[in-house]
Amino acid sequence: MTTSPRFGLLLDVDGPIASPVTRSITVPSIGRDLAALANAGLPVIFNTGRSDAFIAGEVVEPLLAAGLQQHARVFAICEKGATWFEITPQGAGEVSIDDSLTPPDGFADDVRALVAEHYADLVFYDETKRATVTFEQRLDVSRQSFLARQLEIDESTIALLNARGYGARRGDVDYPDASGAVQYRADPSIISTDFESLSVGKDFGAERAFALLAGTGEMPLEWRTMGDSRGDYAMATWLHEQGETVAHVDVRPADGIPATAYPVLTAGELIHDEAGALFLARWVAMLGDDSLCDDSLGR
């Protein structure tokens, strides 16, 4: 008789898995624990704004090195639902792309030129994205320097989008097209800004995750989501709205924990990948434990 996994994982990558400083997995236990959880039958799904190339290079390799097994159910949903692929012991599978979510023709070239001409000392253009236009803080630039000018670059980029006849939204501020409409979102993080379709998001990625898991085996009894930004809460919110039991791990709670209908977990003074590593290790330690969902064990 097949039994349902006690829980499944839906994970942001930058922050809880990969260091936002080095942009790579630097805590050795993370790859090992992710593989252990997947090998134990728990669905492990990365739900990230990163590109498939980034995940293949920075996340897939540690999983394979840790001995990911053939029966494991591991998927990567990239660019917040616009692209996706399966991860197996053979590596990253074929990438699927939702072409309806790609940016307007010529916009990527506009932003590439803007970065090269005016902001190359601060950011680089992410050439690996397929459906998103992204600039990212250079590794040799301080976060304070980047954040001090992020809005300036965002608004310069939005102006390029407006010039092509499209509107954008950044936070609560609209920069509409001539008709007053908005079709795209500027989504800033602590290391980058994504310019993306309004349709994508961490909730859209969660919906994509369910579609990918359909027919692959038993669905988990509960879910754990993990992220480092307020936008990552959308994963847990979507799951809760589908009637799923979920708890969300916030690895950067200093930004403020919103009111939610589900538990929010933190790691005390630990943040980012150190906090992510702590929870992954707890969950590995709880494999096979009937008291898995006891709050005293960190849910």
Protein backbone atom coordinates (compact mmCIF):
# COMPACT_ATOMS: atom_id res chain seq x y z
CA MET A 1 0.00 0.00 0.00
CA THR A 2 1.38 3.41 -1.00
CA THR A 3 1.37 6.04 1.72
CA SER A 4 1.38 9.79 1.24
CA PRO A 5 4.54 11.72 2.12
CA ARG A 6 4.16 13.53 5.42
CA PHE A 7 5.04 16.82 3.75
CA GLY A 8 6.33 18.41 0.59
CA LEU A 9 8.73 21.30 0.11
CA LEU A 10 8.20 24.38 -2.04
CA LEU A 11 11.37 26.44 -1.78
CA ASP A 12 12.65 29.80 -2.90
CA VAL A 13 16.34 29.58 -3.86
CA ASP A 14 18.04 32.96 -3.32
CA GLY A 15 18.24 33.36 0.44
CA PRO A 16 17.14 30.05 1.98
CA ILE A 17 19.17 27.75 -0.32
CA ALA A 18 21.79 29.87 -2.11
CA SER A 19 23.63 32.66 -0.34
CA PRO A 20 22.53 36.11 -1.54
CA VAL A 21 26.15 37.20 -1.07
CA THR A 22 27.95 34.54 -3.12
CA ARG A 23 24.89 33.56 -5.24
CA SER A 24 25.77 29.90 -4.66
CA ILE A 25 25.18 27.09 -2.16
CA THR A 26 27.84 27.63 0.47
CA VAL A 27 26.48 25.62 3.42
CA PRO A 28 27.66 22.05 2.71
CA SER A 29 24.72 20.36 4.44
CA ILE A 30 22.10 21.95 2.17
CA GLY A 31 22.65 19.78 -0.91
CA ARG A 32 23.00 16.67 1.22
CA ASP A 33 19.82 17.33 3.19
CA LEU A 34 17.78 18.25 0.10
CA ALA A 35 18.79 14.95 -1.51
CA ALA A 36 18.00 13.03 1.68
CA LEU A 37 14.51 14.52 1.86
CA ALA A 38 13.83 13.83 -1.81
CA ASN A 39 15.20 10.29 -1.56
CA ALA A 40 12.87 9.70 1.40
CA GLY A 41 9.92 10.33 -0.90
CA LEU A 42 9.17 13.97 -0.12
CA PRO A 43 8.46 16.13 -3.18
CA VAL A 44 11.09 18.87 -3.39
CA ILE A 45 10.21 21.76 -5.69
CA PHE A 46 12.25 24.90 -6.18
CA ASN A 47 10.02 27.91 -6.90
CA THR A 48 12.35 30.73 -7.88
CA GLY A 49 12.76 33.84 -9.95
CA ARG A 50 16.13 32.50 -11.06
CA SER A 51 16.74 31.08 -14.53
CA ASP A 52 16.91 27.40 -15.41
CA ALA A 53 20.62 27.87 -16.18
CA PHE A 54 21.27 29.20 -12.68
CA ILE A 55 19.44 26.30 -11.04
CA ALA A 56 21.20 23.76 -13.27
CA GLY A 57 24.58 25.21 -12.36
CA GLU A 58 24.16 26.03 -8.68
CA VAL A 59 21.51 23.63 -7.34
CA VAL A 60 21.41 20.53 -9.52
CA GLU A 61 25.08 19.68 -9.12
CA PRO A 62 25.02 19.56 -5.28
CA LEU A 63 21.92 17.32 -5.44
CA LEU A 64 23.61 14.89 -7.80
CA ALA A 65 26.79 14.93 -5.74
CA ALA A 66 24.72 14.02 -2.68
CA GLY A 67 23.30 10.94 -4.41
CA LEU A 68 19.85 11.91 -5.68
CA GLN A 69 17.97 8.70 -6.47
CA GLN A 70 15.86 7.79 -9.48
CA HIS A 71 12.54 7.66 -7.61
CA ALA A 72 12.95 11.17 -6.15
CA ARG A 73 10.41 13.78 -7.23
CA VAL A 74 12.34 17.02 -7.72
CA PHE A 75 11.32 19.90 -9.99
CA ALA A 76 12.56 23.41 -10.65
CA ILE A 77 10.04 26.14 -11.44
CA CYS A 78 12.00 29.13 -12.66
CA GLU A 79 11.27 32.77 -13.47
CA LYS A 80 8.27 32.53 -11.11
CA GLY A 81 6.45 29.97 -13.21
CA ALA A 82 7.46 30.96 -16.75
CA THR A 83 9.91 28.05 -17.21
CA TRP A 84 10.30 24.65 -15.53
CA PHE A 85 12.10 21.30 -15.68
CA GLU A 86 12.54 18.04 -13.79
CA ILE A 87 15.70 17.17 -11.88
CA THR A 88 16.79 13.52 -11.96
CA PRO A 89 20.03 11.65 -11.23
CA GLN A 90 20.86 12.31 -14.89
CA GLY A 91 20.73 16.07 -14.25
CA ALA A 92 18.47 18.88 -15.43
CA GLY A 93 15.75 17.74 -17.80
CA GLU A 94 14.32 19.48 -20.83
CA VAL A 95 13.22 23.03 -20.12
CA SER A 96 9.61 24.01 -20.82
CA ILE A 97 8.75 27.66 -21.54
CA ASP A 98 5.42 29.46 -21.47
CA ASP A 99 5.89 31.74 -24.50
CA SER A 100 2.85 33.81 -23.56
CA LEU A 101 4.84 35.26 -20.65
CA THR A 102 7.84 36.62 -22.54
CA PRO A 103 8.59 40.39 -22.61
CA PRO A 104 7.76 42.70 -25.52
CA ASP A 105 9.96 42.43 -28.61
CA GLY A 106 13.00 44.68 -28.32
CA PHE A 107 12.64 45.41 -24.60
CA ALA A 108 15.45 43.05 -23.58
CA ASP A 109 17.79 44.78 -26.05
CA ASP A 110 16.75 48.17 -24.66
CA VAL A 111 17.62 47.15 -21.10
CA ARG A 112 20.85 45.45 -22.13
CA ALA A 113 21.96 48.71 -23.76
CA LEU A 114 20.82 50.79 -20.77
CA VAL A 115 22.89 48.69 -18.39
CA ALA A 116 25.97 48.76 -20.64
CA GLU A 117 25.85 52.52 -21.20
CA HIS A 118 24.84 53.84 -17.78
CA TYR A 119 24.94 51.24 -15.01
CA ALA A 120 27.65 48.70 -15.84
CA ASP A 121 29.61 49.79 -12.76
CA LEU A 122 26.72 48.68 -10.56
CA VAL A 123 24.78 45.82 -12.21
CA PHE A 124 24.94 43.27 -14.98
CA TYR A 125 22.25 42.13 -17.38
CA ASP A 126 21.18 38.51 -16.75
CA GLU A 127 21.61 36.79 -20.11
CA THR A 128 20.27 33.47 -18.81
CA LYS A 129 16.63 34.52 -18.42
CA ARG A 130 14.14 33.31 -21.06
CA ALA A 131 10.91 35.10 -20.10
CA THR A 132 12.09 37.81 -17.72
CA VAL A 133 14.29 40.88 -18.12
CA THR A 134 16.61 41.17 -15.12
CA PHE A 135 19.53 43.25 -13.98
CA GLU A 136 21.50 42.11 -10.94
CA GLN A 137 23.96 43.66 -8.49
CA ARG A 138 27.58 42.97 -9.37
CA LEU A 139 29.42 40.82 -6.85
CA ASP A 140 32.11 43.47 -6.43
CA VAL A 141 29.55 46.15 -5.54
CA SER A 142 28.24 46.63 -2.02
CA ARG A 143 24.58 45.97 -1.38
CA GLN A 144 24.21 49.47 0.05
CA SER A 145 25.50 51.00 -3.19
CA PHE A 146 23.11 48.92 -5.24
CA LEU A 147 20.05 49.56 -3.10
CA ALA A 148 20.77 53.30 -3.06
CA ARG A 149 20.33 53.45 -6.85
CA GLN A 150 17.94 50.57 -7.49
CA LEU A 151 14.87 52.78 -7.83
CA GLU A 152 16.72 55.02 -10.30
CA ILE A 153 17.57 52.05 -12.53
CA ASP A 154 14.08 50.59 -12.16
CA GLU A 155 12.45 53.82 -13.27
CA SER A 156 14.85 54.20 -16.19
CA THR A 157 13.95 50.68 -17.27
CA ILE A 158 10.23 51.28 -16.85
CA ALA A 159 10.59 54.34 -19.08
CA LEU A 160 11.91 52.04 -21.82
CA LEU A 161 8.87 49.80 -21.35
CA ASN A 162 6.56 52.81 -21.52
CA ALA A 163 8.29 53.93 -24.71
CA ARG A 164 7.29 50.64 -26.31
CA GLY A 165 3.67 51.18 -25.33
CA TYR A 166 3.44 49.08 -22.16
CA GLY A 167 2.70 49.93 -18.55
CA ALA A 168 4.43 48.60 -15.44
CA ARG A 169 3.79 48.35 -11.72
CA ARG A 170 6.46 48.65 -9.04
CA GLY A 171 5.13 47.95 -5.58
CA ASP A 172 2.05 50.15 -5.15
CA VAL A 173 3.04 52.59 -7.89
CA ASP A 174 1.77 52.30 -11.46
CA TYR A 175 3.59 53.63 -14.51
CA PRO A 176 0.77 53.01 -17.02
CA ASP A 177 0.74 53.01 -20.80
CA ALA A 178 -1.09 55.72 -22.78
CA SER A 179 -4.43 54.05 -22.13
CA GLY A 180 -3.81 53.79 -18.40
CA ALA A 181 -3.18 50.04 -18.48
CA VAL A 182 -0.42 48.03 -16.80
CA GLN A 183 0.83 44.76 -18.29
CA TYR A 184 4.16 44.14 -16.54
CA ARG A 185 5.66 44.18 -13.05
CA ALA A 186 8.98 45.53 -11.80
CA ASP A 187 9.81 43.23 -8.89
CA PRO A 188 12.82 44.45 -6.86
CA SER A 189 14.77 42.21 -4.49
CA ILE A 190 17.84 42.92 -2.38
CA ILE A 191 20.14 41.92 -5.27
CA SER A 192 18.18 42.51 -8.48
CA THR A 193 15.02 43.68 -10.21
CA ASP A 194 12.91 41.44 -12.45
CA PHE A 195 10.68 42.88 -15.18
CA GLU A 196 8.03 40.27 -15.75
CA SER A 197 4.47 39.54 -16.80
CA LEU A 198 1.82 40.34 -14.21
CA SER A 199 0.72 36.71 -14.54
CA VAL A 200 3.84 35.20 -12.96
CA GLY A 201 4.60 35.06 -9.25
CA LYS A 202 5.28 32.66 -6.43
CA ASP A 203 1.58 31.73 -6.28
CA PHE A 204 1.65 31.03 -10.04
CA GLY A 205 4.73 28.89 -9.43
CA ALA A 206 2.93 26.97 -6.68
CA GLU A 207 0.07 26.26 -9.06
CA ARG A 208 2.61 25.05 -11.63
CA ALA A 209 4.12 22.78 -8.96
CA PHE A 210 0.80 21.03 -8.41
CA ALA A 211 0.42 20.49 -12.14
CA LEU A 212 3.90 18.95 -12.33
CA LEU A 213 3.26 16.64 -9.39
CA ALA A 214 -0.06 15.38 -10.78
CA GLY A 215 0.25 11.74 -11.70
CA THR A 216 3.74 11.30 -10.23
CA GLY A 217 2.58 9.67 -6.99
CA GLU A 218 0.80 10.44 -3.76
CA MET A 219 0.48 14.08 -2.80
CA PRO A 220 1.92 15.11 0.57
CA LEU A 221 -0.28 15.46 3.63
CA GLU A 222 1.21 18.86 4.44
CA TRP A 223 3.50 21.47 2.91
CA ARG A 224 6.44 23.56 4.03
CA THR A 225 7.33 26.66 2.04
CA MET A 226 10.46 28.74 2.52
CA GLY A 227 11.58 32.16 1.34
CA ASP A 228 13.32 35.40 2.21
CA SER A 229 10.90 38.04 0.89
CA ARG A 230 7.31 39.10 1.40
CA GLY A 231 6.51 37.85 -2.11
CA ASP A 232 7.43 34.31 -1.08
CA TYR A 233 4.44 34.19 1.26
CA ALA A 234 2.29 33.86 -1.86
CA MET A 235 3.36 30.20 -2.10
CA ALA A 236 1.94 29.36 1.31
CA THR A 237 -1.11 31.55 0.79
CA TRP A 238 -1.97 29.78 -2.46
CA LEU A 239 -1.58 26.36 -0.82
CA HIS A 240 -3.74 27.42 2.13
CA GLU A 241 -6.43 28.69 -0.25
CA GLN A 242 -6.47 25.26 -1.93
CA GLY A 243 -7.25 23.69 1.44
CA GLU A 244 -3.72 22.42 2.04
CA THR A 245 -2.08 22.40 5.46
CA VAL A 246 1.04 24.55 5.23
CA ALA A 247 3.63 26.33 7.35
CA HIS A 248 5.93 28.98 5.91
CA VAL A 249 9.57 29.49 6.90
CA ASP A 250 10.73 33.10 6.68
CA VAL A 251 14.52 33.30 6.60
CA ARG A 252 14.58 37.11 6.66
CA PRO A 253 11.85 38.09 9.13
CA ALA A 254 13.36 41.52 9.82
CA ASP A 255 11.43 42.77 6.78
CA GLY A 256 8.26 42.17 8.79
CA ILE A 257 6.04 39.13 9.18
CA PRO A 258 2.55 39.72 7.76
CA ALA A 259 -0.61 38.39 9.35
CA THR A 260 -1.36 34.96 7.88
CA ALA A 261 -3.88 32.17 8.29
CA TYR A 262 -1.05 29.63 8.61
CA PRO A 263 2.00 29.29 10.90
CA VAL A 264 5.14 31.29 10.10
CA LEU A 265 8.41 29.84 11.37
CA THR A 266 11.78 31.56 11.88
CA ALA A 267 15.25 30.48 12.98
CA GLY A 268 15.94 32.96 15.76
CA GLU A 269 19.03 35.01 14.96
CA LEU A 270 19.90 32.93 11.89
CA ILE A 271 18.96 34.31 8.47
CA HIS A 272 19.24 33.41 4.77
CA ASP A 273 20.93 30.11 3.93
CA GLU A 274 22.01 29.47 7.51
CA ALA A 275 18.36 29.55 8.54
CA GLY A 276 17.42 27.42 5.53
CA ALA A 277 20.08 24.87 6.43
CA LEU A 278 18.79 24.68 10.00
CA PHE A 279 15.26 23.79 8.91
CA LEU A 280 16.42 21.29 6.28
CA ALA A 281 18.53 19.54 8.93
CA ARG A 282 15.56 19.46 11.33
CA TRP A 283 13.33 17.93 8.68
CA VAL A 284 15.91 15.27 7.83
CA ALA A 285 16.21 14.43 11.53
CA MET A 286 12.43 14.04 11.71
CA LEU A 287 12.11 11.58 8.82
CA GLY A 288 10.06 8.66 10.00
CA ASP A 289 9.09 10.43 13.23
CA ASP A 290 5.35 10.23 13.90
CA SER A 291 5.56 13.51 15.81
CA LEU A 292 6.78 15.36 12.70
CA CYS A 293 4.16 18.08 12.95
CA ASP A 294 4.72 18.82 16.63
CA ASP A 295 5.52 22.52 17.06
CA SER A 296 8.30 21.67 19.50
CA LEU A 297 10.19 20.05 16.64
CA GLY A 298 10.10 23.16 14.45
CA ARG A 299 7.29 21.96 12.19
